[in-house]
Amino acid sequence: KGKIRGIGLSEVNSDTLRQAHAIHPITAVQSEYSLWSRQPE
């Protein structure tokens, strides 16, 4: 409908990302990531 351009997910794991991306391309995943928060690695 043109209301949004890209779809994002926040604080999800890889399994959820893969499931969602198979339905519609995901533009970005947002999660806490810094020198002292390194779980995304």
PDB file of all heavy atoms in Angstrom:
ATOM      1  N   LYS A   1       0.814  -1.222   0.000  1.00  0.00           N
ATOM      2  CA  LYS A   1       0.000   0.000   0.000  1.00  0.00           C
ATOM      3  C   LYS A   1       0.846   1.270   0.000  1.00  0.00           C
ATOM      4  O   LYS A   1       0.302   2.372  -0.116  1.00  0.00           O
ATOM      5  CB  LYS A   1      -0.922   0.007   1.218  1.00  0.00           C
ATOM      6  CG  LYS A   1      -2.010  -1.064   1.182  1.00  0.00           C
ATOM      7  CD  LYS A   1      -2.812  -1.067   2.479  1.00  0.00           C
ATOM      8  CE  LYS A   1      -3.882  -2.157   2.452  1.00  0.00           C
ATOM      9  NZ  LYS A   1      -4.620  -2.227   3.749  1.00  0.00           N
ATOM     10  N   GLY A   2       2.157   1.117   0.126  1.00  0.00           N
ATOM     11  CA  GLY A   2       3.040   2.275   0.126  1.00  0.00           C
ATOM     12  C   GLY A   2       3.140   2.992   1.458  1.00  0.00           C
ATOM     13  O   GLY A   2       3.739   4.066   1.548  1.00  0.00           O
ATOM     14  N   LYS A   3       2.574   2.406   2.519  1.00  0.00           N
ATOM     15  CA  LYS A   3       2.633   3.052   3.828  1.00  0.00           C
ATOM     16  C   LYS A   3       3.999   2.866   4.488  1.00  0.00           C
ATOM     17  O   LYS A   3       4.427   3.703   5.291  1.00  0.00           O
ATOM     18  CB  LYS A   3       1.532   2.515   4.738  1.00  0.00           C
ATOM     19  CG  LYS A   3       0.130   2.912   4.286  1.00  0.00           C
ATOM     20  CD  LYS A   3      -0.923   2.487   5.300  1.00  0.00           C
ATOM     21  CE  LYS A   3      -2.306   2.989   4.899  1.00  0.00           C
ATOM     22  NZ  LYS A   3      -3.333   2.658   5.908  1.00  0.00           N
ATOM     23  N   ILE A   4       4.667   1.759   4.192  1.00  0.00           N
ATOM     24  CA  ILE A   4       6.017   1.526   4.684  1.00  0.00           C
ATOM     25  C   ILE A   4       6.876   1.042   3.516  1.00  0.00           C
ATOM     26  O   ILE A   4       6.371   0.462   2.552  1.00  0.00           O
ATOM     27  CB  ILE A   4       6.068   0.513   5.847  1.00  0.00           C
ATOM     28  CG1 ILE A   4       5.670  -0.885   5.383  1.00  0.00           C
ATOM     29  CG2 ILE A   4       5.180   0.968   6.988  1.00  0.00           C
ATOM     30  CD1 ILE A   4       5.800  -1.947   6.486  1.00  0.00           C
ATOM     31  N   ARG A   5       8.182   1.282   3.604  1.00  0.00           N
ATOM     32  CA  ARG A   5       9.086   0.858   2.540  1.00  0.00           C
ATOM     33  C   ARG A   5       9.809  -0.435   2.909  1.00  0.00           C
ATOM     34  O   ARG A   5       9.949  -1.328   2.092  1.00  0.00           O
ATOM     35  CB  ARG A   5      10.102   1.954   2.245  1.00  0.00           C
ATOM     36  CG  ARG A   5       9.493   3.232   1.689  1.00  0.00           C
ATOM     37  CD  ARG A   5      10.581   4.233   1.353  1.00  0.00           C
ATOM     38  NE  ARG A   5      11.509   3.671   0.365  1.00  0.00           N
ATOM     39  CZ  ARG A   5      12.791   4.007   0.278  1.00  0.00           C
ATOM     40  NH1 ARG A   5      13.304   4.885   1.123  1.00  0.00           N
ATOM     41  NH2 ARG A   5      13.564   3.469  -0.641  1.00  0.00           N
ATOM     42  N   GLY A   6      10.310  -0.510   4.121  1.00  0.00           N
ATOM     43  CA  GLY A   6      11.059  -1.675   4.552  1.00  0.00           C
ATOM     44  C   GLY A   6      10.546  -2.197   5.874  1.00  0.00           C
ATOM     45  O   GLY A   6      10.003  -1.454   6.696  1.00  0.00           O
ATOM     46  N   ILE A   7      10.729  -3.495   6.085  1.00  0.00           N
ATOM     47  CA  ILE A   7      10.285  -4.165   7.311  1.00  0.00           C
ATOM     48  C   ILE A   7      11.502  -4.477   8.173  1.00  0.00           C
ATOM     49  O   ILE A   7      12.517  -4.984   7.679  1.00  0.00           O
ATOM     50  CB  ILE A   7       9.528  -5.463   6.986  1.00  0.00           C
ATOM     51  CG1 ILE A   7       8.272  -5.159   6.168  1.00  0.00           C
ATOM     52  CG2 ILE A   7       9.152  -6.227   8.262  1.00  0.00           C
ATOM     53  CD1 ILE A   7       7.578  -6.401   5.621  1.00  0.00           C
ATOM     54  N   GLY A   8      11.384  -4.189   9.463  1.00  0.00           N
ATOM     55  CA  GLY A   8      12.463  -4.485  10.394  1.00  0.00           C
ATOM     56  C   GLY A   8      11.979  -5.328  11.554  1.00  0.00           C
ATOM     57  O   GLY A   8      10.788  -5.394  11.856  1.00  0.00           O
ATOM     58  N   LEU A   9      12.925  -5.979  12.207  1.00  0.00           N
ATOM     59  CA  LEU A   9      12.669  -6.762  13.420  1.00  0.00           C
ATOM     60  C   LEU A   9      13.647  -6.306  14.487  1.00  0.00           C
ATOM     61  O   LEU A   9      14.800  -5.985  14.183  1.00  0.00           O
ATOM     62  CB  LEU A   9      12.855  -8.256  13.156  1.00  0.00           C
ATOM     63  CG  LEU A   9      11.989  -8.893  12.069  1.00  0.00           C
ATOM     64  CD1 LEU A   9      12.436 -10.331  11.809  1.00  0.00           C
ATOM     65  CD2 LEU A   9      10.519  -8.866  12.465  1.00  0.00           C
ATOM     66  N   SER A  10      13.207  -6.307  15.727  1.00  0.00           N
ATOM     67  CA  SER A  10      14.072  -5.885  16.824  1.00  0.00           C
ATOM     68  C   SER A  10      14.174  -6.979  17.876  1.00  0.00           C
ATOM     69  O   SER A  10      13.161  -7.568  18.268  1.00  0.00           O
ATOM     70  CB  SER A  10      13.533  -4.604  17.466  1.00  0.00           C
ATOM     71  OG  SER A  10      14.345  -4.181  18.538  1.00  0.00           O
ATOM     72  N   GLU A  11      15.400  -7.247  18.302  1.00  0.00           N
ATOM     73  CA  GLU A  11      15.694  -8.209  19.367  1.00  0.00           C
ATOM     74  C   GLU A  11      15.122  -9.595  19.060  1.00  0.00           C
ATOM     75  O   GLU A  11      14.492 -10.227  19.920  1.00  0.00           O
ATOM     76  CB  GLU A  11      15.183  -7.697  20.712  1.00  0.00           C
ATOM     77  CG  GLU A  11      15.956  -6.498  21.252  1.00  0.00           C
ATOM     78  CD  GLU A  11      17.348  -6.838  21.795  1.00  0.00           C
ATOM     79  OE1 GLU A  11      17.800  -7.992  21.602  1.00  0.00           O
ATOM     80  OE2 GLU A  11      17.980  -5.957  22.399  1.00  0.00           O
ATOM     81  N   VAL A  12      15.336 -10.072  17.840  1.00  0.00           N
ATOM     82  CA  VAL A  12      14.929 -11.424  17.471  1.00  0.00           C
ATOM     83  C   VAL A  12      16.173 -12.297  17.330  1.00  0.00           C
ATOM     84  O   VAL A  12      17.297 -11.799  17.242  1.00  0.00           O
ATOM     85  CB  VAL A  12      14.133 -11.443  16.143  1.00  0.00           C
ATOM     86  CG1 VAL A  12      12.849 -10.646  16.286  1.00  0.00           C
ATOM     87  CG2 VAL A  12      14.982 -10.913  14.974  1.00  0.00           C
ATOM     88  N   ASN A  13      15.964 -13.609  17.268  1.00  0.00           N
ATOM     89  CA  ASN A  13      17.087 -14.512  17.033  1.00  0.00           C
ATOM     90  C   ASN A  13      17.134 -14.895  15.553  1.00  0.00           C
ATOM     91  O   ASN A  13      16.269 -14.510  14.759  1.00  0.00           O
ATOM     92  CB  ASN A  13      17.004 -15.743  17.933  1.00  0.00           C
ATOM     93  CG  ASN A  13      15.717 -16.534  17.756  1.00  0.00           C
ATOM     94  OD1 ASN A  13      15.142 -16.572  16.666  1.00  0.00           O
ATOM     95  ND2 ASN A  13      15.244 -17.173  18.823  1.00  0.00           N
ATOM     96  N   SER A  14      18.133 -15.671  15.198  1.00  0.00           N
ATOM     97  CA  SER A  14      18.327 -16.033  13.796  1.00  0.00           C
ATOM     98  C   SER A  14      17.174 -16.853  13.238  1.00  0.00           C
ATOM     99  O   SER A  14      16.811 -16.708  12.063  1.00  0.00           O
ATOM    100  CB  SER A  14      19.645 -16.803  13.631  1.00  0.00           C
ATOM    101  OG  SER A  14      20.747 -15.951  13.807  1.00  0.00           O
ATOM    102  N   ASP A  15      16.604 -17.726  14.054  1.00  0.00           N
ATOM    103  CA  ASP A  15      15.481 -18.551  13.573  1.00  0.00           C
ATOM    104  C   ASP A  15      14.295 -17.685  13.162  1.00  0.00           C
ATOM    105  O   ASP A  15      13.691 -17.892  12.102  1.00  0.00           O
ATOM    106  CB  ASP A  15      15.053 -19.559  14.644  1.00  0.00           C
ATOM    107  CG  ASP A  15      16.076 -20.664  14.856  1.00  0.00           C
ATOM    108  OD1 ASP A  15      16.926 -20.865  13.957  1.00  0.00           O
ATOM    109  OD2 ASP A  15      16.029 -21.324  15.907  1.00  0.00           O
ATOM    110  N   THR A  16      13.949 -16.729  14.007  1.00  0.00           N
ATOM    111  CA  THR A  16      12.841 -15.829  13.681  1.00  0.00           C
ATOM    112  C   THR A  16      13.159 -15.015  12.436  1.00  0.00           C
ATOM    113  O   THR A  16      12.296 -14.826  11.561  1.00  0.00           O
ATOM    114  CB  THR A  16      12.546 -14.896  14.864  1.00  0.00           C
ATOM    115  OG1 THR A  16      12.060 -15.671  15.964  1.00  0.00           O
ATOM    116  CG2 THR A  16      11.497 -13.849  14.500  1.00  0.00           C
ATOM    117  N   LEU A  17      14.381 -14.535  12.330  1.00  0.00           N
ATOM    118  CA  LEU A  17      14.775 -13.759  11.156  1.00  0.00           C
ATOM    119  C   LEU A  17      14.613 -14.585   9.885  1.00  0.00           C
ATOM    120  O   LEU A  17      14.062 -14.100   8.886  1.00  0.00           O
ATOM    121  CB  LEU A  17      16.219 -13.286  11.303  1.00  0.00           C
ATOM    122  CG  LEU A  17      16.848 -12.634  10.060  1.00  0.00           C
ATOM    123  CD1 LEU A  17      16.021 -11.441   9.585  1.00  0.00           C
ATOM    124  CD2 LEU A  17      18.289 -12.215  10.344  1.00  0.00           C
ATOM    125  N   ARG A  18      15.068 -15.821   9.906  1.00  0.00           N
ATOM    126  CA  ARG A  18      14.970 -16.663   8.709  1.00  0.00           C
ATOM    127  C   ARG A  18      13.503 -16.933   8.342  1.00  0.00           C
ATOM    128  O   ARG A  18      13.128 -16.896   7.160  1.00  0.00           O
ATOM    129  CB  ARG A  18      15.716 -17.974   8.929  1.00  0.00           C
ATOM    130  CG  ARG A  18      17.235 -17.821   8.970  1.00  0.00           C
ATOM    131  CD  ARG A  18      17.923 -19.167   9.073  1.00  0.00           C
ATOM    132  NE  ARG A  18      19.360 -19.028   9.235  1.00  0.00           N
ATOM    133  CZ  ARG A  18      20.209 -18.793   8.236  1.00  0.00           C
ATOM    134  NH1 ARG A  18      19.762 -18.661   6.994  1.00  0.00           N
ATOM    135  NH2 ARG A  18      21.501 -18.688   8.467  1.00  0.00           N
ATOM    136  N   GLN A  19      12.674 -17.204   9.344  1.00  0.00           N
ATOM    137  CA  GLN A  19      11.254 -17.443   9.068  1.00  0.00           C
ATOM    138  C   GLN A  19      10.600 -16.220   8.449  1.00  0.00           C
ATOM    139  O   GLN A  19       9.865 -16.317   7.459  1.00  0.00           O
ATOM    140  CB  GLN A  19      10.533 -17.806  10.365  1.00  0.00           C
ATOM    141  CG  GLN A  19      10.885 -19.151  10.957  1.00  0.00           C
ATOM    142  CD  GLN A  19      10.181 -19.369  12.282  1.00  0.00           C
ATOM    143  OE1 GLN A  19       8.971 -19.188  12.402  1.00  0.00           O
ATOM    144  NE2 GLN A  19      10.926 -19.749  13.301  1.00  0.00           N
ATOM    145  N   ALA A  20      10.874 -15.051   9.028  1.00  0.00           N
ATOM    146  CA  ALA A  20      10.263 -13.816   8.536  1.00  0.00           C
ATOM    147  C   ALA A  20      10.769 -13.467   7.145  1.00  0.00           C
ATOM    148  O   ALA A  20       9.993 -13.081   6.263  1.00  0.00           O
ATOM    149  CB  ALA A  20      10.559 -12.674   9.514  1.00  0.00           C
ATOM    150  N   HIS A  21      12.056 -13.619   6.932  1.00  0.00           N
ATOM    151  CA  HIS A  21      12.675 -13.248   5.653  1.00  0.00           C
ATOM    152  C   HIS A  21      12.166 -14.126   4.510  1.00  0.00           C
ATOM    153  O   HIS A  21      12.121 -13.684   3.362  1.00  0.00           O
ATOM    154  CB  HIS A  21      14.197 -13.366   5.781  1.00  0.00           C
ATOM    155  CG  HIS A  21      14.962 -12.735   4.662  1.00  0.00           C
ATOM    156  ND1 HIS A  21      15.072 -11.369   4.502  1.00  0.00           N
ATOM    157  CD2 HIS A  21      15.663 -13.290   3.634  1.00  0.00           C
ATOM    158  CE1 HIS A  21      15.811 -11.104   3.443  1.00  0.00           C
ATOM    159  NE2 HIS A  21      16.196 -12.248   2.888  1.00  0.00           N
ATOM    160  N   ALA A  22      11.777 -15.362   4.840  1.00  0.00           N
ATOM    161  CA  ALA A  22      11.233 -16.253   3.814  1.00  0.00           C
ATOM    162  C   ALA A  22       9.842 -15.811   3.355  1.00  0.00           C
ATOM    163  O   ALA A  22       9.399 -16.167   2.257  1.00  0.00           O
ATOM    164  CB  ALA A  22      11.178 -17.682   4.351  1.00  0.00           C
ATOM    165  N   ILE A  23       9.151 -15.034   4.189  1.00  0.00           N
ATOM    166  CA  ILE A  23       7.813 -14.548   3.844  1.00  0.00           C
ATOM    167  C   ILE A  23       7.892 -13.228   3.085  1.00  0.00           C
ATOM    168  O   ILE A  23       7.202 -13.020   2.094  1.00  0.00           O
ATOM    169  CB  ILE A  23       6.961 -14.390   5.126  1.00  0.00           C
ATOM    170  CG1 ILE A  23       6.815 -15.758   5.827  1.00  0.00           C
ATOM    171  CG2 ILE A  23       5.587 -13.803   4.798  1.00  0.00           C
ATOM    172  CD1 ILE A  23       6.242 -15.661   7.226  1.00  0.00           C
ATOM    173  N   HIS A  24       8.734 -12.322   3.563  1.00  0.00           N
ATOM    174  CA  HIS A  24       8.972 -11.041   2.903  1.00  0.00           C
ATOM    175  C   HIS A  24      10.373 -10.575   3.307  1.00  0.00           C
ATOM    176  O   HIS A  24      10.755 -10.704   4.467  1.00  0.00           O
ATOM    177  CB  HIS A  24       7.929  -9.999   3.330  1.00  0.00           C
ATOM    178  CG  HIS A  24       8.027  -8.711   2.571  1.00  0.00           C
ATOM    179  ND1 HIS A  24       9.006  -7.763   2.818  1.00  0.00           N
ATOM    180  CD2 HIS A  24       7.276  -8.203   1.557  1.00  0.00           C
ATOM    181  CE1 HIS A  24       8.849  -6.748   1.995  1.00  0.00           C
ATOM    182  NE2 HIS A  24       7.802  -6.986   1.222  1.00  0.00           N
ATOM    183  N   PRO A  25      11.154 -10.035   2.367  1.00  0.00           N
ATOM    184  CA  PRO A  25      12.514  -9.599   2.717  1.00  0.00           C
ATOM    185  C   PRO A  25      12.534  -8.642   3.911  1.00  0.00           C
ATOM    186  O   PRO A  25      11.758  -7.684   3.962  1.00  0.00           O
ATOM    187  CB  PRO A  25      13.002  -8.911   1.444  1.00  0.00           C
ATOM    188  CG  PRO A  25      12.220  -9.560   0.346  1.00  0.00           C
ATOM    189  CD  PRO A  25      10.861  -9.842   0.938  1.00  0.00           C
ATOM    190  N   ILE A  26      13.415  -8.925   4.842  1.00  0.00           N
ATOM    191  CA  ILE A  26      13.625  -8.064   5.995  1.00  0.00           C
ATOM    192  C   ILE A  26      14.737  -7.072   5.662  1.00  0.00           C
ATOM    193  O   ILE A  26      15.796  -7.461   5.178  1.00  0.00           O
ATOM    194  CB  ILE A  26      13.998  -8.883   7.243  1.00  0.00           C
ATOM    195  CG1 ILE A  26      12.849  -9.831   7.630  1.00  0.00           C
ATOM    196  CG2 ILE A  26      14.349  -7.968   8.412  1.00  0.00           C
ATOM    197  CD1 ILE A  26      11.560  -9.142   8.002  1.00  0.00           C
ATOM    198  N   THR A  27      14.495  -5.808   5.923  1.00  0.00           N
ATOM    199  CA  THR A  27      15.486  -4.772   5.624  1.00  0.00           C
ATOM    200  C   THR A  27      16.545  -4.680   6.708  1.00  0.00           C
ATOM    201  O   THR A  27      17.736  -4.555   6.409  1.00  0.00           O
ATOM    202  CB  THR A  27      14.795  -3.406   5.452  1.00  0.00           C
ATOM    203  OG1 THR A  27      13.910  -3.479   4.331  1.00  0.00           O
ATOM    204  CG2 THR A  27      15.809  -2.296   5.236  1.00  0.00           C
ATOM    205  N   ALA A  28      16.120  -4.733   7.963  1.00  0.00           N
ATOM    206  CA  ALA A  28      17.078  -4.549   9.059  1.00  0.00           C
ATOM    207  C   ALA A  28      16.623  -5.271  10.311  1.00  0.00           C
ATOM    208  O   ALA A  28      15.426  -5.427  10.558  1.00  0.00           O
ATOM    209  CB  ALA A  28      17.263  -3.060   9.363  1.00  0.00           C
ATOM    210  N   VAL A  29      17.605  -5.706  11.079  1.00  0.00           N
ATOM    211  CA  VAL A  29      17.384  -6.213  12.433  1.00  0.00           C
ATOM    212  C   VAL A  29      18.059  -5.242  13.381  1.00  0.00           C
ATOM    213  O   VAL A  29      19.206  -4.834  13.172  1.00  0.00           O
ATOM    214  CB  VAL A  29      17.979  -7.620  12.615  1.00  0.00           C
ATOM    215  CG1 VAL A  29      18.009  -8.002  14.096  1.00  0.00           C
ATOM    216  CG2 VAL A  29      17.181  -8.645  11.829  1.00  0.00           C
ATOM    217  N   GLN A  30      17.334  -4.831  14.400  1.00  0.00           N
ATOM    218  CA  GLN A  30      17.893  -3.934  15.407  1.00  0.00           C
ATOM    219  C   GLN A  30      17.991  -4.664  16.737  1.00  0.00           C
ATOM    220  O   GLN A  30      17.021  -5.269  17.194  1.00  0.00           O
ATOM    221  CB  GLN A  30      17.025  -2.678  15.563  1.00  0.00           C
ATOM    222  CG  GLN A  30      17.574  -1.710  16.588  1.00  0.00           C
ATOM    223  CD  GLN A  30      16.794  -0.423  16.699  1.00  0.00           C
ATOM    224  OE1 GLN A  30      16.590   0.102  17.795  1.00  0.00           O
ATOM    225  NE2 GLN A  30      16.334   0.122  15.578  1.00  0.00           N
ATOM    226  N   SER A  31      19.169  -4.615  17.326  1.00  0.00           N
ATOM    227  CA  SER A  31      19.373  -5.203  18.644  1.00  0.00           C
ATOM    228  C   SER A  31      20.448  -4.405  19.377  1.00  0.00           C
ATOM    229  O   SER A  31      21.224  -3.678  18.744  1.00  0.00           O
ATOM    230  CB  SER A  31      19.820  -6.675  18.545  1.00  0.00           C
ATOM    231  OG  SER A  31      18.798  -7.495  18.041  1.00  0.00           O
ATOM    232  N   GLU A  32      20.472  -4.546  20.676  1.00  0.00           N
ATOM    233  CA  GLU A  32      21.545  -3.914  21.432  1.00  0.00           C
ATOM    234  C   GLU A  32      22.857  -4.591  21.064  1.00  0.00           C
ATOM    235  O   GLU A  32      22.978  -5.817  21.093  1.00  0.00           O
ATOM    236  CB  GLU A  32      21.288  -4.028  22.944  1.00  0.00           C
ATOM    237  CG  GLU A  32      22.347  -3.322  23.765  1.00  0.00           C
ATOM    238  CD  GLU A  32      22.016  -3.252  25.251  1.00  0.00           C
ATOM    239  OE1 GLU A  32      20.923  -3.681  25.646  1.00  0.00           O
ATOM    240  OE2 GLU A  32      22.880  -2.753  26.009  1.00  0.00           O
ATOM    241  N   TYR A  33      23.827  -3.787  20.711  1.00  0.00           N
ATOM    242  CA  TYR A  33      25.139  -4.310  20.353  1.00  0.00           C
ATOM    243  C   TYR A  33      26.183  -3.239  20.633  1.00  0.00           C
ATOM    244  O   TYR A  33      26.086  -2.122  20.132  1.00  0.00           O
ATOM    245  CB  TYR A  33      25.168  -4.721  18.882  1.00  0.00           C
ATOM    246  CG  TYR A  33      26.483  -5.305  18.399  1.00  0.00           C
ATOM    247  CD1 TYR A  33      27.229  -6.164  19.203  1.00  0.00           C
ATOM    248  CD2 TYR A  33      26.972  -4.999  17.130  1.00  0.00           C
ATOM    249  CE1 TYR A  33      28.419  -6.708  18.754  1.00  0.00           C
ATOM    250  CE2 TYR A  33      28.165  -5.543  16.665  1.00  0.00           C
ATOM    251  CZ  TYR A  33      28.883  -6.390  17.489  1.00  0.00           C
ATOM    252  OH  TYR A  33      30.087  -6.929  17.047  1.00  0.00           O
ATOM    253  N   SER A  34      27.134  -3.596  21.446  1.00  0.00           N
ATOM    254  CA  SER A  34      28.210  -2.674  21.797  1.00  0.00           C
ATOM    255  C   SER A  34      29.362  -3.497  22.351  1.00  0.00           C
ATOM    256  O   SER A  34      29.283  -4.728  22.441  1.00  0.00           O
ATOM    257  CB  SER A  34      27.740  -1.666  22.851  1.00  0.00           C
ATOM    258  OG  SER A  34      27.491  -2.323  24.095  1.00  0.00           O
ATOM    259  N   LEU A  35      30.401  -2.824  22.740  1.00  0.00           N
ATOM    260  CA  LEU A  35      31.555  -3.520  23.315  1.00  0.00           C
ATOM    261  C   LEU A  35      31.166  -4.392  24.504  1.00  0.00           C
ATOM    262  O   LEU A  35      31.728  -5.469  24.694  1.00  0.00           O
ATOM    263  CB  LEU A  35      32.613  -2.497  23.740  1.00  0.00           C
ATOM    264  CG  LEU A  35      33.490  -1.933  22.625  1.00  0.00           C
ATOM    265  CD1 LEU A  35      34.173  -0.649  23.072  1.00  0.00           C
ATOM    266  CD2 LEU A  35      34.526  -2.968  22.190  1.00  0.00           C
ATOM    267  N   TRP A  36      30.181  -3.942  25.291  1.00  0.00           N
ATOM    268  CA  TRP A  36      29.845  -4.752  26.471  1.00  0.00           C
ATOM    269  C   TRP A  36      28.532  -5.532  26.304  1.00  0.00           C
ATOM    270  O   TRP A  36      28.074  -6.159  27.250  1.00  0.00           O
ATOM    271  CB  TRP A  36      29.839  -3.904  27.740  1.00  0.00           C
ATOM    272  CG  TRP A  36      28.661  -3.008  27.992  1.00  0.00           C
ATOM    273  CD1 TRP A  36      27.734  -2.577  27.108  1.00  0.00           C
ATOM    274  CD2 TRP A  36      28.309  -2.438  29.260  1.00  0.00           C
ATOM    275  NE1 TRP A  36      26.820  -1.767  27.734  1.00  0.00           N
ATOM    276  CE2 TRP A  36      27.151  -1.658  29.046  1.00  0.00           C
ATOM    277  CE3 TRP A  36      28.838  -2.505  30.537  1.00  0.00           C
ATOM    278  CZ2 TRP A  36      26.535  -0.955  30.075  1.00  0.00           C
ATOM    279  CZ3 TRP A  36      28.227  -1.799  31.562  1.00  0.00           C
ATOM    280  CH2 TRP A  36      27.093  -1.035  31.333  1.00  0.00           C
ATOM    281  N   SER A  37      27.945  -5.526  25.118  1.00  0.00           N
ATOM    282  CA  SER A  37      26.735  -6.318  24.828  1.00  0.00           C
ATOM    283  C   SER A  37      26.939  -7.009  23.487  1.00  0.00           C
ATOM    284  O   SER A  37      26.588  -6.480  22.432  1.00  0.00           O
ATOM    285  CB  SER A  37      25.490  -5.426  24.776  1.00  0.00           C
ATOM    286  OG  SER A  37      25.209  -4.869  26.039  1.00  0.00           O
ATOM    287  N   ARG A  38      27.508  -8.212  23.507  1.00  0.00           N
ATOM    288  CA  ARG A  38      28.013  -8.816  22.277  1.00  0.00           C
ATOM    289  C   ARG A  38      27.289 -10.095  21.866  1.00  0.00           C
ATOM    290  O   ARG A  38      27.780 -10.861  21.041  1.00  0.00           O
ATOM    291  CB  ARG A  38      29.520  -9.063  22.422  1.00  0.00           C
ATOM    292  CG  ARG A  38      30.270  -7.738  22.547  1.00  0.00           C
ATOM    293  CD  ARG A  38      31.731  -7.889  22.830  1.00  0.00           C
ATOM    294  NE  ARG A  38      32.426  -8.625  21.786  1.00  0.00           N
ATOM    295  CZ  ARG A  38      33.708  -8.965  21.877  1.00  0.00           C
ATOM    296  NH1 ARG A  38      34.411  -8.644  22.945  1.00  0.00           N
ATOM    297  NH2 ARG A  38      34.275  -9.634  20.894  1.00  0.00           N
ATOM    298  N   GLN A  39      26.088 -10.303  22.401  1.00  0.00           N
ATOM    299  CA  GLN A  39      25.324 -11.496  22.032  1.00  0.00           C
ATOM    300  C   GLN A  39      25.107 -11.641  20.528  1.00  0.00           C
ATOM    301  O   GLN A  39      25.146 -12.757  19.999  1.00  0.00           O
ATOM    302  CB  GLN A  39      23.982 -11.521  22.756  1.00  0.00           C
ATOM    303  CG  GLN A  39      23.180 -12.781  22.494  1.00  0.00           C
ATOM    304  CD  GLN A  39      21.824 -12.771  23.186  1.00  0.00           C
ATOM    305  OE1 GLN A  39      21.535 -11.904  24.019  1.00  0.00           O
ATOM    306  NE2 GLN A  39      20.967 -13.716  22.828  1.00  0.00           N
ATOM    307  N   PRO A  40      24.882 -10.548  19.763  1.00  0.00           N
ATOM    308  CA  PRO A  40      24.675 -10.718  18.319  1.00  0.00           C
ATOM    309  C   PRO A  40      25.827 -11.401  17.597  1.00  0.00           C
ATOM    310  O   PRO A  40      25.630 -11.954  16.508  1.00  0.00           O
ATOM    311  CB  PRO A  40      24.487  -9.272  17.827  1.00  0.00           C
ATOM    312  CG  PRO A  40      23.917  -8.558  19.004  1.00  0.00           C
ATOM    313  CD  PRO A  40      24.632  -9.146  20.187  1.00  0.00           C
ATOM    314  N   GLU A  41      27.019 -11.373  18.185  1.00  0.00           N
ATOM    315  CA  GLU A  41      28.165 -12.010  17.540  1.00  0.00           C
ATOM    316  C   GLU A  41      28.055 -13.532  17.533  1.00  0.00           C
ATOM    317  O   GLU A  41      28.778 -14.201  16.780  1.00  0.00           O
ATOM    318  CB  GLU A  41      29.459 -11.580  18.226  1.00  0.00           C
ATOM    319  CG  GLU A  41      29.785 -10.108  18.031  1.00  0.00           C
ATOM    320  CD  GLU A  41      31.084  -9.706  18.715  1.00  0.00           C
ATOM    321  OE1 GLU A  41      31.734 -10.583  19.336  1.00  0.00           O
ATOM    322  OE2 GLU A  41      31.459  -8.515  18.641  1.00  0.00           O
TER     323      GLU A  41
END
